[in-house]
Amino acid sequence: FSVKFSTSQNSLVVGAVTPSSKTTGITTTDGVIDNGTNPTIKNLSAIFTSPGQYVEYTFYARNEGEYAAYLNNIHFLGDKTCTGETGTTASLVTSACESINISATIGNTTYTETTPIEGHTLAKGVGEQIKIRLEYLSTGTAVDGAFSIKFPNVAMVYSTIDDSSIQPVIPSDKVVQ
């Protein structure tokens, strides 16, 4: 059993996960694939300046094993942190930070950490596209300058059985503090 993250749908390629789409004018970082014991996507961050902005990272989950894999959970490990750039009002940044969401889209379904996942199968030898979206909701508080947001690492829990109650054992070094 082996499900890994990749920058390619057809083979296992580990590289930087460059944002696949974003609102014009925002600054982002490349995501990092960590295919260690518990595969995660790390380093997701952006500098937002106004509500309605977003960034999406596209990568693939590849079933490199000999068994069908079931996606049971998506975990966003740690807390998001928002930091105002010089001259940006801290209280506005705090309020705006509450309006920033993270979601994962696999196929035609968008998941948040609280979305139940049942019946999602990844056949052996197959890769499936995953889009992680960081979004500053259009209804969010406007700020008077730019602010950066760093999101938690993303872990996807696959197993050989379809059971959303399965929780990952994530080493503490994988959690963003």
N, C-alpha and C. Protein backbone atom coordinates (compact mmCIF):
# COMPACT_ATOMS: atom_id res chain seq x y z
N PHE A 1 0.85 -1.18 0.00
CA PHE A 1 0.00 0.00 0.00
C PHE A 1 0.89 1.23 0.00
N SER A 2 0.66 2.14 -0.97
CA SER A 2 1.51 3.33 -1.05
C SER A 2 0.81 4.42 -1.87
N VAL A 3 0.36 5.48 -1.21
CA VAL A 3 -0.19 6.63 -1.90
C VAL A 3 0.76 7.79 -1.63
N LYS A 4 1.22 8.42 -2.70
CA LYS A 4 2.19 9.51 -2.61
C LYS A 4 1.67 10.72 -3.37
N PHE A 5 2.20 11.90 -3.06
CA PHE A 5 1.89 13.11 -3.80
C PHE A 5 2.91 13.29 -4.92
N SER A 6 2.46 13.90 -6.02
CA SER A 6 3.31 14.07 -7.19
C SER A 6 2.94 15.36 -7.91
N THR A 7 3.85 15.85 -8.72
CA THR A 7 3.54 16.98 -9.59
C THR A 7 3.10 16.49 -10.97
N SER A 8 3.04 15.17 -11.16
CA SER A 8 2.61 14.56 -12.42
C SER A 8 1.49 13.56 -12.15
N GLN A 9 0.52 13.51 -13.04
CA GLN A 9 -0.57 12.56 -12.89
C GLN A 9 -0.15 11.15 -13.30
N ASN A 10 0.80 11.04 -14.22
CA ASN A 10 1.14 9.75 -14.81
C ASN A 10 2.37 9.06 -14.24
N SER A 11 3.12 9.76 -13.40
CA SER A 11 4.29 9.14 -12.77
C SER A 11 4.59 9.89 -11.48
N LEU A 12 5.41 9.27 -10.64
CA LEU A 12 5.76 9.88 -9.37
C LEU A 12 6.91 10.86 -9.59
N VAL A 13 6.60 12.15 -9.55
CA VAL A 13 7.58 13.21 -9.73
C VAL A 13 7.41 14.17 -8.55
N VAL A 14 8.46 14.33 -7.76
CA VAL A 14 8.40 15.22 -6.61
C VAL A 14 9.13 16.50 -6.97
N GLY A 15 8.41 17.60 -6.92
CA GLY A 15 8.99 18.90 -7.21
C GLY A 15 8.18 19.98 -6.54
N ALA A 16 8.51 21.21 -6.83
CA ALA A 16 7.77 22.34 -6.27
C ALA A 16 6.35 22.35 -6.85
N VAL A 17 5.39 22.67 -6.00
CA VAL A 17 4.00 22.78 -6.43
C VAL A 17 3.72 24.27 -6.62
N THR A 18 3.92 24.73 -7.86
CA THR A 18 3.72 26.13 -8.20
C THR A 18 2.23 26.39 -8.34
N PRO A 19 1.72 27.51 -7.82
CA PRO A 19 0.29 27.79 -7.97
C PRO A 19 -0.14 27.67 -9.43
N SER A 20 -1.27 26.99 -9.64
CA SER A 20 -1.79 26.77 -11.00
C SER A 20 -2.67 27.92 -11.45
N SER A 21 -3.26 28.63 -10.52
CA SER A 21 -4.03 29.83 -10.85
C SER A 21 -4.08 30.71 -9.62
N LYS A 22 -4.24 31.99 -9.86
CA LYS A 22 -4.33 32.92 -8.75
C LYS A 22 -4.88 34.24 -9.27
N THR A 23 -5.33 35.05 -8.35
CA THR A 23 -5.79 36.39 -8.68
C THR A 23 -4.56 37.21 -9.06
N THR A 24 -4.70 38.03 -10.08
CA THR A 24 -3.60 38.89 -10.53
C THR A 24 -3.13 39.79 -9.39
N GLY A 25 -1.82 39.87 -9.25
CA GLY A 25 -1.24 40.81 -8.29
C GLY A 25 -0.93 40.26 -6.92
N ILE A 26 -1.29 39.01 -6.62
CA ILE A 26 -0.92 38.50 -5.31
C ILE A 26 0.39 37.73 -5.41
N THR A 27 1.11 37.72 -4.33
CA THR A 27 2.39 37.03 -4.25
C THR A 27 2.17 35.71 -3.53
N THR A 28 2.79 34.64 -4.01
CA THR A 28 2.62 33.32 -3.42
C THR A 28 3.97 32.64 -3.24
N THR A 29 3.95 31.53 -2.51
CA THR A 29 5.12 30.67 -2.42
C THR A 29 4.78 29.35 -3.11
N ASP A 30 5.78 28.60 -3.48
CA ASP A 30 5.55 27.26 -4.02
C ASP A 30 5.29 26.31 -2.86
N GLY A 31 4.36 25.36 -3.08
CA GLY A 31 4.13 24.31 -2.10
C GLY A 31 5.26 23.30 -2.18
N VAL A 32 5.42 22.54 -1.11
CA VAL A 32 6.47 21.53 -1.02
C VAL A 32 5.83 20.18 -0.74
N ILE A 33 6.19 19.18 -1.53
CA ILE A 33 5.72 17.81 -1.32
C ILE A 33 6.67 17.12 -0.36
N ASP A 34 6.10 16.51 0.68
CA ASP A 34 6.87 15.69 1.61
C ASP A 34 6.24 14.30 1.60
N ASN A 35 6.89 13.36 0.91
CA ASN A 35 6.37 12.00 0.79
C ASN A 35 7.01 11.07 1.82
N GLY A 36 7.27 11.59 3.00
CA GLY A 36 7.80 10.76 4.08
C GLY A 36 6.76 9.77 4.56
N THR A 37 6.84 9.38 5.82
CA THR A 37 5.92 8.41 6.39
C THR A 37 4.46 8.81 6.22
N ASN A 38 4.15 10.08 6.43
CA ASN A 38 2.80 10.61 6.26
C ASN A 38 2.86 11.74 5.24
N PRO A 39 2.61 11.43 3.95
CA PRO A 39 2.74 12.45 2.90
C PRO A 39 1.91 13.70 3.20
N THR A 40 2.55 14.86 3.02
CA THR A 40 1.91 16.15 3.26
C THR A 40 2.33 17.13 2.18
N ILE A 41 1.53 18.18 2.06
CA ILE A 41 1.89 19.33 1.23
C ILE A 41 2.13 20.47 2.20
N LYS A 42 3.29 21.12 2.08
CA LYS A 42 3.69 22.17 3.02
C LYS A 42 3.95 23.47 2.27
N ASN A 43 4.13 24.54 3.04
CA ASN A 43 4.58 25.84 2.56
C ASN A 43 3.54 26.58 1.70
N LEU A 44 2.26 26.41 2.00
CA LEU A 44 1.21 27.11 1.25
C LEU A 44 1.02 28.49 1.86
N SER A 45 1.32 29.53 1.08
CA SER A 45 1.14 30.88 1.60
C SER A 45 0.94 31.87 0.47
N ALA A 46 0.35 33.01 0.82
CA ALA A 46 0.08 34.07 -0.15
C ALA A 46 0.05 35.40 0.56
N ILE A 47 0.25 36.47 -0.20
CA ILE A 47 0.07 37.82 0.31
C ILE A 47 -1.16 38.38 -0.38
N PHE A 48 -2.23 38.59 0.41
CA PHE A 48 -3.49 39.11 -0.10
C PHE A 48 -3.58 40.61 0.16
N THR A 49 -4.31 41.32 -0.69
CA THR A 49 -4.50 42.76 -0.52
C THR A 49 -5.97 43.15 -0.48
N SER A 50 -6.89 42.28 -0.95
CA SER A 50 -8.31 42.64 -0.91
C SER A 50 -9.19 41.39 -0.98
N PRO A 51 -10.42 41.49 -0.44
CA PRO A 51 -11.35 40.37 -0.49
C PRO A 51 -11.59 39.92 -1.93
N GLY A 52 -11.87 38.63 -2.08
CA GLY A 52 -12.13 38.05 -3.40
C GLY A 52 -10.91 37.43 -4.05
N GLN A 53 -9.75 37.59 -3.45
CA GLN A 53 -8.53 37.02 -4.03
C GLN A 53 -8.39 35.54 -3.65
N TYR A 54 -7.68 34.80 -4.48
CA TYR A 54 -7.46 33.37 -4.22
C TYR A 54 -6.18 32.91 -4.89
N VAL A 55 -5.75 31.73 -4.47
CA VAL A 55 -4.66 31.03 -5.13
C VAL A 55 -4.98 29.54 -5.06
N GLU A 56 -4.66 28.81 -6.13
CA GLU A 56 -4.87 27.36 -6.16
C GLU A 56 -3.56 26.66 -6.48
N TYR A 57 -3.33 25.59 -5.75
CA TYR A 57 -2.18 24.71 -5.98
C TYR A 57 -2.72 23.40 -6.53
N THR A 58 -2.20 22.94 -7.66
CA THR A 58 -2.64 21.68 -8.25
C THR A 58 -1.51 20.66 -8.18
N PHE A 59 -1.83 19.49 -7.67
CA PHE A 59 -0.88 18.39 -7.62
C PHE A 59 -1.68 17.11 -7.74
N TYR A 60 -1.06 15.98 -7.56
CA TYR A 60 -1.72 14.69 -7.77
C TYR A 60 -1.44 13.74 -6.61
N ALA A 61 -2.45 12.93 -6.29
CA ALA A 61 -2.26 11.80 -5.39
C ALA A 61 -2.10 10.60 -6.31
N ARG A 62 -1.02 9.85 -6.12
CA ARG A 62 -0.76 8.68 -6.96
C ARG A 62 -0.78 7.42 -6.10
N ASN A 63 -1.55 6.45 -6.55
CA ASN A 63 -1.58 5.16 -5.86
C ASN A 63 -0.47 4.31 -6.46
N GLU A 64 0.64 4.24 -5.76
CA GLU A 64 1.81 3.49 -6.22
C GLU A 64 1.79 2.06 -5.70
N GLY A 65 0.78 1.71 -4.92
CA GLY A 65 0.72 0.39 -4.31
C GLY A 65 -0.02 -0.63 -5.15
N GLU A 66 -0.29 -1.77 -4.54
CA GLU A 66 -0.93 -2.90 -5.20
C GLU A 66 -2.40 -3.05 -4.83
N TYR A 67 -2.93 -2.16 -4.00
CA TYR A 67 -4.30 -2.25 -3.54
C TYR A 67 -5.05 -0.96 -3.86
N ALA A 68 -6.36 -1.04 -3.99
CA ALA A 68 -7.17 0.18 -4.09
C ALA A 68 -6.99 0.97 -2.80
N ALA A 69 -7.00 2.30 -2.93
CA ALA A 69 -6.84 3.17 -1.77
C ALA A 69 -8.12 4.00 -1.62
N TYR A 70 -8.55 4.15 -0.39
CA TYR A 70 -9.74 4.94 -0.08
C TYR A 70 -9.32 6.20 0.64
N LEU A 71 -9.80 7.35 0.13
CA LEU A 71 -9.56 8.61 0.82
C LEU A 71 -10.56 8.70 1.97
N ASN A 72 -10.05 8.75 3.19
CA ASN A 72 -10.91 8.76 4.36
C ASN A 72 -11.03 10.14 5.02
N ASN A 73 -9.97 10.93 4.97
CA ASN A 73 -9.97 12.24 5.62
C ASN A 73 -8.96 13.17 4.95
N ILE A 74 -9.24 14.45 5.08
CA ILE A 74 -8.28 15.49 4.72
C ILE A 74 -8.06 16.29 5.99
N HIS A 75 -6.79 16.47 6.36
CA HIS A 75 -6.48 17.21 7.58
C HIS A 75 -5.61 18.41 7.23
N PHE A 76 -5.98 19.55 7.77
CA PHE A 76 -5.19 20.76 7.66
C PHE A 76 -4.49 20.89 9.01
N LEU A 77 -3.19 20.62 9.02
CA LEU A 77 -2.43 20.42 10.25
C LEU A 77 -1.86 21.71 10.79
N GLY A 78 -2.45 22.21 11.84
CA GLY A 78 -1.97 23.44 12.45
C GLY A 78 -2.94 24.58 12.17
N ASP A 79 -2.57 25.77 12.55
CA ASP A 79 -3.42 26.94 12.40
C ASP A 79 -2.88 27.84 11.31
N LYS A 80 -3.79 28.55 10.64
CA LYS A 80 -3.35 29.56 9.69
C LYS A 80 -2.85 30.76 10.49
N THR A 81 -1.87 31.45 9.93
CA THR A 81 -1.35 32.65 10.58
C THR A 81 -1.37 33.80 9.58
N CYS A 82 -1.85 34.94 10.03
CA CYS A 82 -1.91 36.13 9.19
C CYS A 82 -1.02 37.20 9.81
N THR A 83 -0.22 37.84 8.97
CA THR A 83 0.71 38.86 9.43
C THR A 83 0.60 40.07 8.51
N GLY A 84 0.32 41.23 9.10
CA GLY A 84 0.22 42.46 8.31
C GLY A 84 1.58 42.95 7.84
N GLU A 85 1.61 43.47 6.63
CA GLU A 85 2.82 44.11 6.12
C GLU A 85 2.96 45.47 6.83
N THR A 86 4.07 46.12 6.70
CA THR A 86 4.31 47.41 7.34
C THR A 86 3.22 48.40 6.94
N GLY A 87 2.61 49.04 7.95
CA GLY A 87 1.58 50.03 7.70
C GLY A 87 0.16 49.48 7.67
N THR A 88 -0.01 48.17 7.73
CA THR A 88 -1.34 47.57 7.72
C THR A 88 -1.84 47.45 9.15
N THR A 89 -3.09 47.84 9.40
CA THR A 89 -3.69 47.84 10.73
C THR A 89 -3.89 46.41 11.23
N ALA A 90 -3.32 46.09 12.38
CA ALA A 90 -3.34 44.73 12.93
C ALA A 90 -4.76 44.23 13.19
N SER A 91 -5.65 45.08 13.70
CA SER A 91 -7.01 44.61 13.99
C SER A 91 -7.77 44.25 12.71
N LEU A 92 -7.50 44.97 11.62
CA LEU A 92 -8.12 44.63 10.34
C LEU A 92 -7.58 43.30 9.81
N VAL A 93 -6.29 43.06 10.00
CA VAL A 93 -5.69 41.79 9.59
C VAL A 93 -6.32 40.64 10.36
N THR A 94 -6.50 40.81 11.66
CA THR A 94 -7.11 39.76 12.49
C THR A 94 -8.52 39.45 11.99
N SER A 95 -9.30 40.46 11.70
CA SER A 95 -10.67 40.27 11.21
C SER A 95 -10.66 39.63 9.81
N ALA A 96 -9.80 40.10 8.94
CA ALA A 96 -9.71 39.56 7.58
C ALA A 96 -9.27 38.10 7.60
N CYS A 97 -8.40 37.74 8.53
CA CYS A 97 -7.89 36.38 8.63
C CYS A 97 -9.03 35.37 8.84
N GLU A 98 -10.07 35.80 9.55
CA GLU A 98 -11.22 34.93 9.78
C GLU A 98 -11.99 34.65 8.49
N SER A 99 -11.77 35.46 7.45
CA SER A 99 -12.48 35.32 6.17
C SER A 99 -11.67 34.56 5.13
N ILE A 100 -10.60 33.93 5.56
CA ILE A 100 -9.76 33.20 4.61
C ILE A 100 -9.93 31.72 4.84
N ASN A 101 -10.27 31.01 3.78
CA ASN A 101 -10.57 29.58 3.86
C ASN A 101 -9.58 28.76 3.05
N ILE A 102 -9.52 27.49 3.39
CA ILE A 102 -8.75 26.51 2.64
C ILE A 102 -9.68 25.36 2.31
N SER A 103 -9.58 24.86 1.08
CA SER A 103 -10.40 23.72 0.67
C SER A 103 -9.60 22.86 -0.30
N ALA A 104 -10.05 21.64 -0.47
CA ALA A 104 -9.42 20.70 -1.40
C ALA A 104 -10.49 20.20 -2.36
N THR A 105 -10.22 20.29 -3.66
CA THR A 105 -11.15 19.79 -4.67
C THR A 105 -10.52 18.57 -5.33
N ILE A 106 -11.26 17.47 -5.30
CA ILE A 106 -10.83 16.23 -5.93
C ILE A 106 -11.98 15.81 -6.83
N GLY A 107 -11.70 15.74 -8.12
CA GLY A 107 -12.78 15.49 -9.07
C GLY A 107 -13.75 16.66 -9.05
N ASN A 108 -15.03 16.37 -8.87
CA ASN A 108 -16.05 17.42 -8.83
C ASN A 108 -16.50 17.75 -7.42
N THR A 109 -15.78 17.26 -6.41
CA THR A 109 -16.18 17.47 -5.03
C THR A 109 -15.15 18.34 -4.31
N THR A 110 -15.67 19.34 -3.60
CA THR A 110 -14.80 20.21 -2.79
C THR A 110 -14.99 19.85 -1.33
N TYR A 111 -13.86 19.65 -0.65
CA TYR A 111 -13.86 19.24 0.75
C TYR A 111 -13.23 20.31 1.62
N THR A 112 -13.76 20.43 2.83
CA THR A 112 -13.10 21.19 3.88
C THR A 112 -12.73 20.15 4.94
N GLU A 113 -12.11 20.58 6.00
CA GLU A 113 -11.70 19.61 7.02
C GLU A 113 -12.90 18.93 7.67
N THR A 114 -14.05 19.55 7.63
CA THR A 114 -15.23 18.96 8.28
C THR A 114 -16.14 18.20 7.31
N THR A 115 -15.79 18.17 6.02
CA THR A 115 -16.61 17.45 5.04
C THR A 115 -16.40 15.96 5.20
N PRO A 116 -17.48 15.19 5.41
CA PRO A 116 -17.31 13.73 5.49
C PRO A 116 -16.93 13.17 4.12
N ILE A 117 -16.07 12.19 4.12
CA ILE A 117 -15.63 11.56 2.87
C ILE A 117 -15.97 10.08 2.94
N GLU A 118 -16.76 9.63 1.99
CA GLU A 118 -17.12 8.22 1.92
C GLU A 118 -17.13 7.78 0.47
N GLY A 119 -16.67 6.59 0.22
CA GLY A 119 -16.74 6.00 -1.11
C GLY A 119 -15.80 6.59 -2.13
N HIS A 120 -14.75 7.28 -1.71
CA HIS A 120 -13.79 7.85 -2.65
C HIS A 120 -12.62 6.87 -2.83
N THR A 121 -12.55 6.27 -4.00
CA THR A 121 -11.55 5.23 -4.27
C THR A 121 -10.51 5.72 -5.27
N LEU A 122 -9.25 5.39 -5.02
CA LEU A 122 -8.16 5.64 -5.94
C LEU A 122 -7.59 4.29 -6.33
N ALA A 123 -7.81 3.89 -7.58
CA ALA A 123 -7.37 2.58 -8.06
C ALA A 123 -5.85 2.50 -8.10
N LYS A 124 -5.32 1.28 -8.02
CA LYS A 124 -3.86 1.11 -8.07
C LYS A 124 -3.33 1.58 -9.41
N GLY A 125 -2.15 2.22 -9.36
CA GLY A 125 -1.50 2.71 -10.56
C GLY A 125 -2.11 3.97 -11.16
N VAL A 126 -3.01 4.61 -10.45
CA VAL A 126 -3.72 5.78 -10.97
C VAL A 126 -3.34 7.02 -10.18
N GLY A 127 -3.33 8.16 -10.87
CA GLY A 127 -3.13 9.45 -10.21
C GLY A 127 -4.38 10.28 -10.36
N GLU A 128 -4.73 11.04 -9.31
CA GLU A 128 -5.89 11.91 -9.40
C GLU A 128 -5.49 13.33 -9.02
N GLN A 129 -6.08 14.29 -9.73
CA GLN A 129 -5.78 15.69 -9.50
C GLN A 129 -6.42 16.19 -8.20
N ILE A 130 -5.65 16.99 -7.49
CA ILE A 130 -6.10 17.63 -6.26
C ILE A 130 -5.78 19.11 -6.38
N LYS A 131 -6.77 19.95 -6.07
CA LYS A 131 -6.54 21.39 -6.05
C LYS A 131 -6.78 21.89 -4.63
N ILE A 132 -5.78 22.54 -4.08
CA ILE A 132 -5.91 23.19 -2.78
C ILE A 132 -6.10 24.68 -3.05
N ARG A 133 -7.19 25.22 -2.55
CA ARG A 133 -7.52 26.63 -2.79
C ARG A 133 -7.45 27.41 -1.48
N LEU A 134 -6.67 28.48 -1.50
CA LEU A 134 -6.62 29.45 -0.40
C LEU A 134 -7.42 30.65 -0.89
N GLU A 135 -8.45 31.03 -0.15
CA GLU A 135 -9.36 32.06 -0.66
C GLU A 135 -9.70 33.10 0.41
N TYR A 136 -9.57 34.35 0.02
CA TYR A 136 -9.97 35.49 0.83
C TYR A 136 -11.39 35.82 0.37
N LEU A 137 -12.37 35.40 1.15
CA LEU A 137 -13.77 35.52 0.74
C LEU A 137 -14.14 36.95 0.37
N SER A 138 -14.97 37.09 -0.65
CA SER A 138 -15.38 38.42 -1.11
C SER A 138 -16.18 39.18 -0.05
N THR A 139 -16.74 38.46 0.91
CA THR A 139 -17.49 39.08 2.01
C THR A 139 -16.59 39.42 3.21
N GLY A 140 -15.29 39.17 3.07
CA GLY A 140 -14.36 39.39 4.18
C GLY A 140 -14.07 40.85 4.43
N THR A 141 -13.50 41.11 5.59
CA THR A 141 -13.09 42.45 5.98
C THR A 141 -11.96 42.94 5.08
N ALA A 142 -12.12 44.15 4.56
CA ALA A 142 -11.06 44.75 3.75
C ALA A 142 -9.99 45.30 4.68
N VAL A 143 -8.75 45.22 4.26
CA VAL A 143 -7.64 45.75 5.05
C VAL A 143 -7.08 46.99 4.37
N ASP A 144 -6.29 47.75 5.11
CA ASP A 144 -5.72 48.99 4.57
C ASP A 144 -4.29 48.81 4.07
N GLY A 145 -3.94 47.59 3.73
CA GLY A 145 -2.62 47.27 3.20
C GLY A 145 -2.55 45.79 2.92
N ALA A 146 -1.38 45.31 2.62
CA ALA A 146 -1.20 43.89 2.32
C ALA A 146 -0.94 43.10 3.60
N PHE A 147 -1.30 41.81 3.56
CA PHE A 147 -0.97 40.92 4.67
C PHE A 147 -0.69 39.54 4.12
N SER A 148 0.19 38.83 4.80
CA SER A 148 0.54 37.48 4.36
C SER A 148 -0.23 36.48 5.19
N ILE A 149 -0.50 35.36 4.56
CA ILE A 149 -1.16 34.26 5.26
C ILE A 149 -0.37 33.00 5.00
N LYS A 150 -0.13 32.25 6.05
CA LYS A 150 0.53 30.96 5.93
C LYS A 150 -0.47 29.93 6.41
N PHE A 151 -0.70 28.93 5.56
CA PHE A 151 -1.67 27.90 5.89
C PHE A 151 -0.98 26.68 6.47
N PRO A 152 -1.77 25.86 7.17
CA PRO A 152 -1.20 24.64 7.73
C PRO A 152 -0.85 23.65 6.62
N ASN A 153 -0.07 22.66 6.99
CA ASN A 153 0.24 21.57 6.06
C ASN A 153 -1.05 20.80 5.79
N VAL A 154 -1.10 20.16 4.63
CA VAL A 154 -2.27 19.38 4.23
C VAL A 154 -1.88 17.91 4.19
N ALA A 155 -2.62 17.08 4.92
CA ALA A 155 -2.41 15.64 4.89
C ALA A 155 -3.71 14.99 4.43
N MET A 156 -3.58 14.01 3.55
CA MET A 156 -4.75 13.27 3.08
C MET A 156 -4.58 11.84 3.55
N VAL A 157 -5.62 11.32 4.20
CA VAL A 157 -5.54 10.00 4.81
C VAL A 157 -6.18 8.97 3.89
N TYR A 158 -5.34 8.13 3.30
CA TYR A 158 -5.79 7.02 2.48
C TYR A 158 -5.54 5.72 3.24
N SER A 159 -6.40 4.73 3.01
CA SER A 159 -6.19 3.42 3.61
C SER A 159 -6.77 2.36 2.69
N THR A 160 -6.63 1.11 3.09
CA THR A 160 -7.15 0.00 2.28
C THR A 160 -8.62 -0.27 2.56
N ILE A 161 -9.21 0.46 3.52
CA ILE A 161 -10.64 0.31 3.78
C ILE A 161 -11.32 1.68 3.73
N ASP A 162 -12.59 1.68 3.37
CA ASP A 162 -13.37 2.91 3.25
C ASP A 162 -14.01 3.20 4.60
N ASP A 163 -13.34 4.02 5.42
CA ASP A 163 -13.82 4.29 6.77
C ASP A 163 -13.36 5.68 7.20
N SER A 164 -14.27 6.66 7.16
CA SER A 164 -13.90 8.04 7.48
C SER A 164 -13.57 8.25 8.96
N SER A 165 -13.78 7.25 9.81
CA SER A 165 -13.42 7.41 11.21
C SER A 165 -11.92 7.17 11.45
N ILE A 166 -11.22 6.69 10.44
CA ILE A 166 -9.78 6.46 10.57
C ILE A 166 -9.07 7.81 10.67
N GLN A 167 -8.31 7.98 11.70
CA GLN A 167 -7.57 9.21 11.92
C GLN A 167 -6.08 8.94 11.72
N PRO A 168 -5.37 9.89 11.14
CA PRO A 168 -3.94 9.66 10.90
C PRO A 168 -3.14 9.76 12.17
N VAL A 169 -2.01 9.11 12.18
CA VAL A 169 -1.02 9.31 13.22
C VAL A 169 0.03 10.22 12.59
N ILE A 170 -0.03 11.47 12.94
CA ILE A 170 0.85 12.48 12.35
C ILE A 170 1.93 12.87 13.35
N PRO A 171 3.19 12.68 12.96
CA PRO A 171 4.26 13.10 13.88
C PRO A 171 4.19 14.61 14.14
N SER A 172 4.54 15.03 15.32
CA SER A 172 4.42 16.44 15.70
C SER A 172 5.27 17.34 14.81
N ASP A 173 6.32 16.83 14.17
CA ASP A 173 7.14 17.67 13.30
C ASP A 173 6.43 18.02 12.00
N LYS A 174 5.26 17.40 11.71
CA LYS A 174 4.51 17.71 10.51
C LYS A 174 3.50 18.82 10.74
N VAL A 175 3.29 19.20 12.00
CA VAL A 175 2.29 20.21 12.32
C VAL A 175 2.95 21.58 12.36
N VAL A 176 2.35 22.53 11.64
CA VAL A 176 2.86 23.90 11.65
C VAL A 176 2.49 24.54 12.98
N GLN A 177 3.44 25.11 13.66
CA GLN A 177 3.14 25.76 14.94
C GLN A 177 3.07 27.25 14.76
